[in-house]
Protein backbone atom coordinates (compact mmCIF):
# COMPACT_ATOMS: atom_id res chain seq x y z
CA MET A 1 95.51 86.31 30.43
CA ALA A 2 92.67 88.85 30.52
CA LYS A 3 91.03 89.22 33.90
CA THR A 4 88.28 91.69 33.01
CA ASN A 5 84.80 90.67 31.87
CA PRO A 6 83.50 92.28 28.66
CA GLY A 7 80.04 90.81 29.24
CA ARG A 8 78.10 88.34 27.11
CA PHE A 9 77.13 89.09 23.54
CA PHE A 10 74.18 87.68 21.61
CA GLU A 11 76.08 84.69 20.26
CA ASP A 12 77.11 83.65 23.80
CA TYR A 13 73.59 82.56 24.77
CA THR A 14 71.95 79.19 24.22
CA ILE A 15 68.40 78.01 24.86
CA GLY A 16 68.08 76.37 28.27
CA GLN A 17 71.25 77.98 29.61
CA VAL A 18 70.97 78.69 33.36
CA ILE A 19 73.13 81.52 34.71
CA ARG A 20 73.66 82.00 38.44
CA HIS A 21 74.31 85.69 39.02
CA ALA A 22 77.08 86.98 41.24
CA VAL A 23 77.11 89.13 44.38
CA PRO A 24 74.23 88.38 46.78
CA ARG A 25 72.88 91.48 48.49
CA THR A 26 71.76 91.81 52.12
CA VAL A 27 68.97 94.35 52.37
CA SER A 28 68.95 96.95 55.15
CA GLY A 29 66.82 99.88 56.21
CA GLY A 30 69.13 102.01 54.12
CA GLU A 31 67.49 100.59 51.01
CA ARG A 32 64.13 101.96 52.13
CA ALA A 33 65.54 105.37 53.05
CA LEU A 34 67.37 105.76 49.76
CA TYR A 35 64.39 104.52 47.76
CA HIS A 36 62.17 107.12 49.41
CA ALA A 37 64.81 109.78 48.82
CA LEU A 38 65.09 108.96 45.12
CA TYR A 39 61.33 108.76 44.46
CA PRO A 40 58.33 110.47 46.10
CA ALA A 41 57.31 107.06 47.49
CA ARG A 42 54.72 107.29 50.29
CA HIS A 43 52.69 104.06 50.37
CA ALA A 44 52.04 103.45 54.06
CA ILE A 45 52.71 99.73 54.21
CA TYR A 46 56.30 100.37 53.04
CA SER A 47 56.77 103.39 55.31
CA SER A 48 55.69 102.20 58.77
CA ASP A 49 56.32 99.00 60.72
CA GLU A 50 53.26 99.74 62.85
CA PHE A 51 50.99 100.23 59.82
CA ALA A 52 52.29 96.98 58.28
CA GLN A 53 51.73 95.10 61.52
CA VAL A 54 48.10 96.27 61.70
CA CYS A 55 47.83 94.82 58.18
CA GLY A 56 49.06 91.42 59.39
CA LEU A 57 52.71 91.59 58.35
CA PRO A 58 55.61 91.17 60.80
CA ALA A 59 57.16 94.50 59.76
CA SER A 60 57.24 96.93 56.89
CA PRO A 61 58.75 95.25 53.79
CA ILE A 62 60.99 97.15 51.45
CA ASP A 63 59.11 98.49 48.44
CA ASP A 64 58.25 95.75 45.96
CA LEU A 65 59.97 97.69 43.19
CA ALA A 66 63.11 98.11 45.30
CA ALA A 67 63.25 94.33 45.64
CA PHE A 68 62.63 94.04 41.89
CA HIS A 69 65.49 96.45 41.12
CA ILE A 70 67.90 94.50 43.34
CA VAL A 71 67.08 91.18 41.67
CA PHE A 72 67.10 92.80 38.22
CA GLY A 73 70.47 94.42 38.98
CA LYS A 74 72.00 91.03 39.82
CA SER A 75 71.15 89.85 36.29
CA VAL A 76 72.58 92.83 34.40
CA PRO A 77 76.28 91.81 34.20
CA ASP A 78 75.28 88.48 32.65
CA ILE A 79 72.24 89.46 30.58
CA SER A 80 72.32 93.10 29.59
CA LEU A 81 75.82 94.50 30.04
CA ASN A 82 76.01 94.87 26.25
CA ALA A 83 72.35 95.72 25.78
CA VAL A 84 71.06 98.32 23.39
CA ALA A 85 67.72 98.43 25.21
CA ASN A 86 65.60 96.51 27.69
CA LEU A 87 62.45 95.84 25.67
CA GLY A 88 59.76 94.41 27.90
CA TYR A 89 58.48 92.31 30.80
CA ALA A 90 55.88 89.60 31.31
CA GLU A 91 54.71 87.03 33.86
CA ALA A 92 56.25 88.85 36.82
CA ARG A 93 55.01 87.71 40.23
CA TRP A 94 56.00 88.75 43.75
CA LEU A 95 56.06 85.51 45.72
CA ARG A 96 56.88 86.76 49.25
CA PRO A 97 57.81 90.09 50.82
CA VAL A 98 61.43 91.13 51.35
CA TYR A 99 62.38 92.47 54.77
CA SER A 100 65.40 94.24 56.19
CA GLY A 101 68.02 91.56 56.88
CA ASP A 102 67.06 89.35 53.95
CA THR A 103 69.81 88.43 51.49
CA LEU A 104 68.82 88.30 47.84
CA ARG A 105 70.43 86.44 44.96
CA ALA A 106 69.24 85.69 41.44
CA GLN A 107 69.53 83.30 38.53
CA SER A 108 68.21 83.41 34.96
CA GLU A 109 67.29 80.82 32.35
CA VAL A 110 67.55 81.66 28.65
CA ILE A 111 64.14 80.84 27.14
CA GLY A 112 64.33 82.57 23.76
CA LEU A 113 66.70 83.95 21.10
CA LYS A 114 65.98 85.88 17.91
CA GLN A 115 68.55 87.67 15.76
CA ASN A 116 67.44 91.00 14.33
CA SER A 117 67.34 91.54 10.58
CA SER A 118 70.33 93.91 10.70
CA GLY A 119 72.55 91.08 11.90
CA LYS A 120 74.14 93.46 14.41
CA THR A 121 71.96 92.63 17.42
CA GLY A 122 69.57 90.02 18.71
CA VAL A 123 66.86 89.69 21.32
CA VAL A 124 67.53 87.49 24.35
CA TYR A 125 64.57 86.27 26.44
CA VAL A 126 65.22 85.18 30.04
CA ARG A 127 63.22 84.09 33.06
CA THR A 128 64.85 85.52 36.19
CA THR A 129 64.13 84.33 39.72
CA GLY A 130 65.17 86.05 42.93
CA PHE A 131 65.78 84.01 46.09
CA ASN A 132 66.24 84.92 49.73
CA GLN A 133 68.76 83.47 52.19
CA HIS A 134 66.48 80.48 52.80
CA ASP A 135 66.56 79.61 49.06
CA LEU A 136 62.89 80.57 48.85
CA PRO A 137 61.84 82.45 45.69
CA VAL A 138 60.76 86.02 46.35
CA MET A 139 59.90 86.94 42.76
CA GLU A 140 60.14 85.81 39.16
CA PHE A 141 59.81 87.61 35.84
CA VAL A 142 60.39 87.23 32.12
CA ARG A 143 62.18 90.00 30.28
CA TRP A 144 63.64 90.44 26.84
CA VAL A 145 66.55 92.62 25.91
CA MET A 146 68.27 93.64 22.68
CA VAL A 147 71.96 92.67 22.89
CA ARG A 148 74.84 93.50 20.57
CA LYS A 149 76.69 90.79 18.65
CA ARG A 150 80.41 90.50 19.15
CA ASP A 151 80.89 89.28 15.55
CA GLU A 152 78.27 90.31 13.01
CA THR A 153 79.28 87.37 10.79
CA ALA A 154 78.63 84.81 13.52
CA PRO A 155 75.82 82.40 12.51
CA ALA A 156 72.42 83.15 13.95
CA PRO A 157 70.68 80.58 16.15
CA ALA A 158 67.29 79.30 15.12
CA ASP A 159 64.60 81.76 16.15
CA THR A 160 62.96 80.74 19.42
CA VAL A 161 60.39 83.23 20.71
CA PRO A 162 58.74 82.02 23.93
CA HIS A 163 55.02 82.25 24.46
CA THR A 164 54.16 84.41 27.46
CA ALA A 165 50.73 84.80 28.98
CA ALA A 166 48.89 88.02 28.19
CA SER A 167 48.38 88.49 31.92
CA VAL A 168 48.89 86.78 35.24
CA ALA A 169 45.57 85.23 36.21
CA ALA A 170 44.06 86.67 39.38
CA SER A 171 43.95 83.13 40.78
CA ASP A 172 47.76 82.93 40.40
CA LEU A 173 48.48 86.05 42.45
CA VAL A 174 50.37 85.27 45.64
CA ILE A 175 48.95 87.08 48.67
CA PRO A 176 51.57 87.62 51.43
CA ALA A 177 50.99 85.32 54.39
CA GLY A 178 48.89 87.02 57.07
CA LEU A 179 47.88 90.05 54.98
CA ASP A 180 44.63 91.40 56.42
CA PHE A 181 43.12 94.78 55.57
CA THR A 182 40.08 94.56 57.85
CA GLN A 183 41.68 97.01 60.34
CA TYR A 184 43.14 99.24 57.63
CA ASP A 185 43.46 102.93 58.58
CA PHE A 186 42.50 105.01 55.55
CA THR A 187 43.36 108.29 57.26
CA LEU A 188 46.94 107.21 57.92
CA ALA A 189 47.19 105.77 54.41
CA GLY A 190 46.34 109.15 52.89
CA GLU A 191 43.15 108.60 50.86
CA PRO A 192 39.64 107.21 51.45
CA HIS A 193 39.30 105.33 48.14
CA ARG A 194 38.66 101.60 48.49
CA TRP A 195 38.96 98.76 45.98
CA GLY A 196 35.23 98.97 45.25
CA ASP A 197 35.46 102.68 44.42
CA TYR A 198 37.40 102.00 41.22
CA GLU A 199 35.46 101.14 38.06
CA ILE A 200 36.84 99.19 35.12
CA GLY A 201 37.70 101.69 32.40
CA GLU A 202 38.21 104.56 34.85
CA GLN A 203 41.21 106.78 34.09
CA ILE A 204 43.17 108.76 36.67
CA ASP A 205 45.51 111.65 35.93
CA HIS A 206 48.06 111.69 38.76
CA VAL A 207 48.73 115.40 38.03
CA ASP A 208 52.21 115.66 39.60
CA GLY A 209 55.52 115.60 37.75
CA VAL A 210 59.21 115.10 38.53
CA THR A 211 62.11 116.24 36.34
CA ILE A 212 64.74 113.53 35.99
CA GLU A 213 68.22 114.55 37.12
CA GLU A 214 71.41 112.95 35.83
CA ALA A 215 72.96 112.44 39.26
CA GLU A 216 69.82 110.92 40.81
CA HIS A 217 69.28 108.31 38.12
CA MET A 218 72.93 107.25 38.25
CA MET A 219 72.79 107.04 42.05
CA ALA A 220 69.69 104.84 41.78
CA THR A 221 71.27 102.60 39.18
CA ARG A 222 74.40 102.21 41.31
CA LEU A 223 72.23 101.44 44.34
CA TRP A 224 70.77 98.45 42.50
CA GLN A 225 74.29 97.48 41.32
CA ASN A 226 73.05 97.72 37.74
CA THR A 227 76.23 97.86 35.64
CA SER A 228 74.68 98.37 32.18
CA LYS A 229 77.08 100.66 30.33
CA THR A 230 74.36 102.65 28.59
CA HIS A 231 73.30 104.23 31.92
CA PHE A 232 76.77 105.55 32.85
CA ASP A 233 78.90 105.90 29.73
CA ALA A 234 77.69 108.51 27.24
CA THR A 235 80.29 107.72 24.57
CA PRO A 236 78.71 104.66 22.86
CA ARG A 237 75.56 106.58 21.90
CA ALA A 238 75.59 108.82 18.83
CA ASP A 239 73.66 111.50 20.72
CA GLY A 240 76.15 111.45 23.61
CA LYS A 241 73.44 110.89 26.21
CA ARG A 242 73.15 108.41 29.06
CA LEU A 243 69.96 106.38 28.82
CA ILE A 244 67.85 106.52 31.99
CA TYR A 245 67.40 103.06 33.53
CA GLY A 246 63.87 101.90 32.72
CA GLY A 247 63.34 100.78 36.29
CA HIS A 248 63.95 104.37 37.42
CA VAL A 249 61.01 105.44 35.25
CA ILE A 250 58.84 102.60 36.61
CA SER A 251 59.55 103.61 40.21
CA MET A 252 58.99 107.29 39.49
CA ALA A 253 55.64 106.60 37.81
CA ARG A 254 54.54 104.25 40.59
CA ALA A 255 55.43 106.87 43.21
CA LEU A 256 53.55 109.57 41.30
CA SER A 257 50.50 107.29 41.15
CA PHE A 258 50.11 107.69 44.94
CA ASN A 259 47.98 110.74 44.17
CA GLY A 260 44.78 108.89 43.29
CA LEU A 261 45.96 105.37 44.19
CA ALA A 262 47.38 105.80 47.70
CA ASN A 263 45.70 102.57 48.82
CA ALA A 264 47.19 100.46 46.01
CA GLN A 265 49.55 99.17 48.65
CA MET A 266 51.39 96.11 47.30
CA ILE A 267 52.35 95.04 43.78
CA ALA A 268 51.42 91.41 43.18
CA ALA A 269 52.31 90.98 39.50
CA ILE A 270 53.37 92.66 36.28
CA ASN A 271 51.39 91.34 33.34
CA ALA A 272 53.24 93.18 30.62
CA GLY A 273 55.44 96.20 30.27
CA SER A 274 57.31 98.11 27.62
CA HIS A 275 59.68 101.05 27.61
CA ALA A 276 58.03 102.75 24.66
CA ASN A 277 60.54 105.58 24.19
CA PRO A 278 63.86 106.48 25.79
CA CYS A 279 64.07 108.79 28.78
CA PHE A 280 66.93 111.22 29.33
CA ALA A 281 67.98 113.64 32.07
CA GLY A 282 65.92 116.80 31.84
CA ASP A 283 62.69 115.00 30.91
CA THR A 284 59.79 115.67 33.28
CA VAL A 285 57.96 112.45 34.05
CA ARG A 286 54.20 112.46 34.64
CA ALA A 287 51.85 109.53 35.00
CA TRP A 288 48.28 108.39 34.49
CA SER A 289 46.48 105.12 35.20
CA GLU A 290 43.59 103.15 33.77
CA VAL A 291 41.64 100.50 35.68
CA LEU A 292 41.68 97.29 33.61
CA ASP A 293 40.11 94.70 35.91
CA ARG A 294 39.13 93.87 39.48
CA ALA A 295 39.30 90.57 41.34
CA ASP A 296 38.50 89.36 44.83
CA THR A 297 41.06 87.47 46.89
CA SER A 298 40.85 84.98 49.75
CA ALA A 299 42.67 87.33 52.14
CA PRO A 300 40.43 89.23 54.59
CA GLY A 301 39.60 92.70 53.34
CA VAL A 302 41.98 92.44 50.37
CA GLY A 303 41.02 93.05 46.74
CA ALA A 304 43.17 92.95 43.61
CA LEU A 305 43.09 95.75 41.06
CA ARG A 306 44.61 95.46 37.60
CA LEU A 307 45.99 98.76 36.37
CA ARG A 308 47.68 100.25 33.35
CA LEU A 309 50.34 102.73 34.46
CA VAL A 310 51.60 105.09 31.76
CA ALA A 311 54.58 107.40 32.24
CA THR A 312 54.96 110.32 29.85
CA LYS A 313 57.30 113.22 29.15
CA GLY A 314 54.63 115.61 27.89
CA GLY A 315 51.48 115.28 25.83
CA ALA A 316 47.91 115.17 27.04
CA PRO A 317 46.86 112.66 29.73
CA PHE A 318 45.34 109.46 28.39
CA ASP A 319 46.90 109.82 24.91
CA LEU A 320 48.70 106.52 24.38
CA ARG A 321 48.91 105.42 20.74
CA GLY A 322 48.76 107.03 17.33
CA ALA A 323 46.62 106.05 14.36
CA ASP A 324 49.32 103.53 13.39
CA GLY A 325 48.85 101.69 16.71
CA LYS A 326 52.31 102.62 17.96
CA HIS A 327 53.03 104.39 21.22
CA LEU A 328 53.13 108.15 20.82
CA PRO A 329 56.59 109.76 21.08
CA HIS A 330 55.92 111.25 24.52
CA VAL A 331 55.04 107.89 26.09
CA LEU A 332 57.93 106.47 28.14
CA LEU A 333 56.36 103.48 29.87
CA ASP A 334 53.27 101.32 29.37
CA LEU A 335 52.94 98.96 32.36
CA ASP A 336 50.11 96.50 33.06
CA TYR A 337 50.17 95.28 36.68
CA TRP A 338 48.15 93.95 39.63
CA VAL A 339 48.04 95.66 43.04
CA LEU A 340 46.52 94.65 46.38
CA MET A 341 44.29 97.17 48.17
CA PRO A 342 41.66 97.30 50.92
CA LYS A 343 38.04 96.55 50.12
């Protein structure tokens, strides 16, 4: 009797199926240190307990994207082990910070299925929720992934494509309990720019770049216990390349955005996101942002800023789509998200 797990294929999913993912993960300070080693991450609230405490938190949380990667990684063996590509995100909300000592687990519900016209693959839509050791949700997100079929002749399920909101409403953002930016130290944070200094439509070139290394992206993907074969095994791809984990690109772009958005301290939501083109080792990632919206919050001194974060591997800043409306070939990531920053 076979003991190994080949992973689920497209025909193994059904609408409404709830999958509890294996291997809970207790978070330690090592997560923060490795995250900051892998990316040029410098946001102060994730770097200093004292800075976080002045901002009303009990200690410095781990980076929101580190928590996202851990929860995402839990889902990979059940959702995307046989994926061709992770296609997009929607309705992602951070519900409470994650601190050193917390233990995270995850579960996903299948909310959509659609076979592709080739009959070789299909798109699986899931809503994934991460929980801490108190069974309290720390985040939730919808993602959709293209998954291979085990048997191309297997009958296709009826198409079910879930409706997702175009954005998370500002009123639905969850502000961490106690967050207070009235005593915020802009000098220690690294830049003087407040929430009110950013205008809707403003574009920011983050100017810096980082060349992706094979070893670093595989170390990051192992850190999040992401077992997707396409990130480690070069043999299934015709070009013989390992595909860089999309979350690695998100974290790199977010870290690069510090130059110009150093006070965009906490991520509250991801409205939409797409990995527009594949990223491979040797690509140099750069980033630019566009301010999409602003909203007040009920927390003292805290404003919400909606941003588009674009990661590229060349091309001119602020070039996003061609005349056909499609992302240009140099665009790696197009991410629409909310951040919390001092007013």
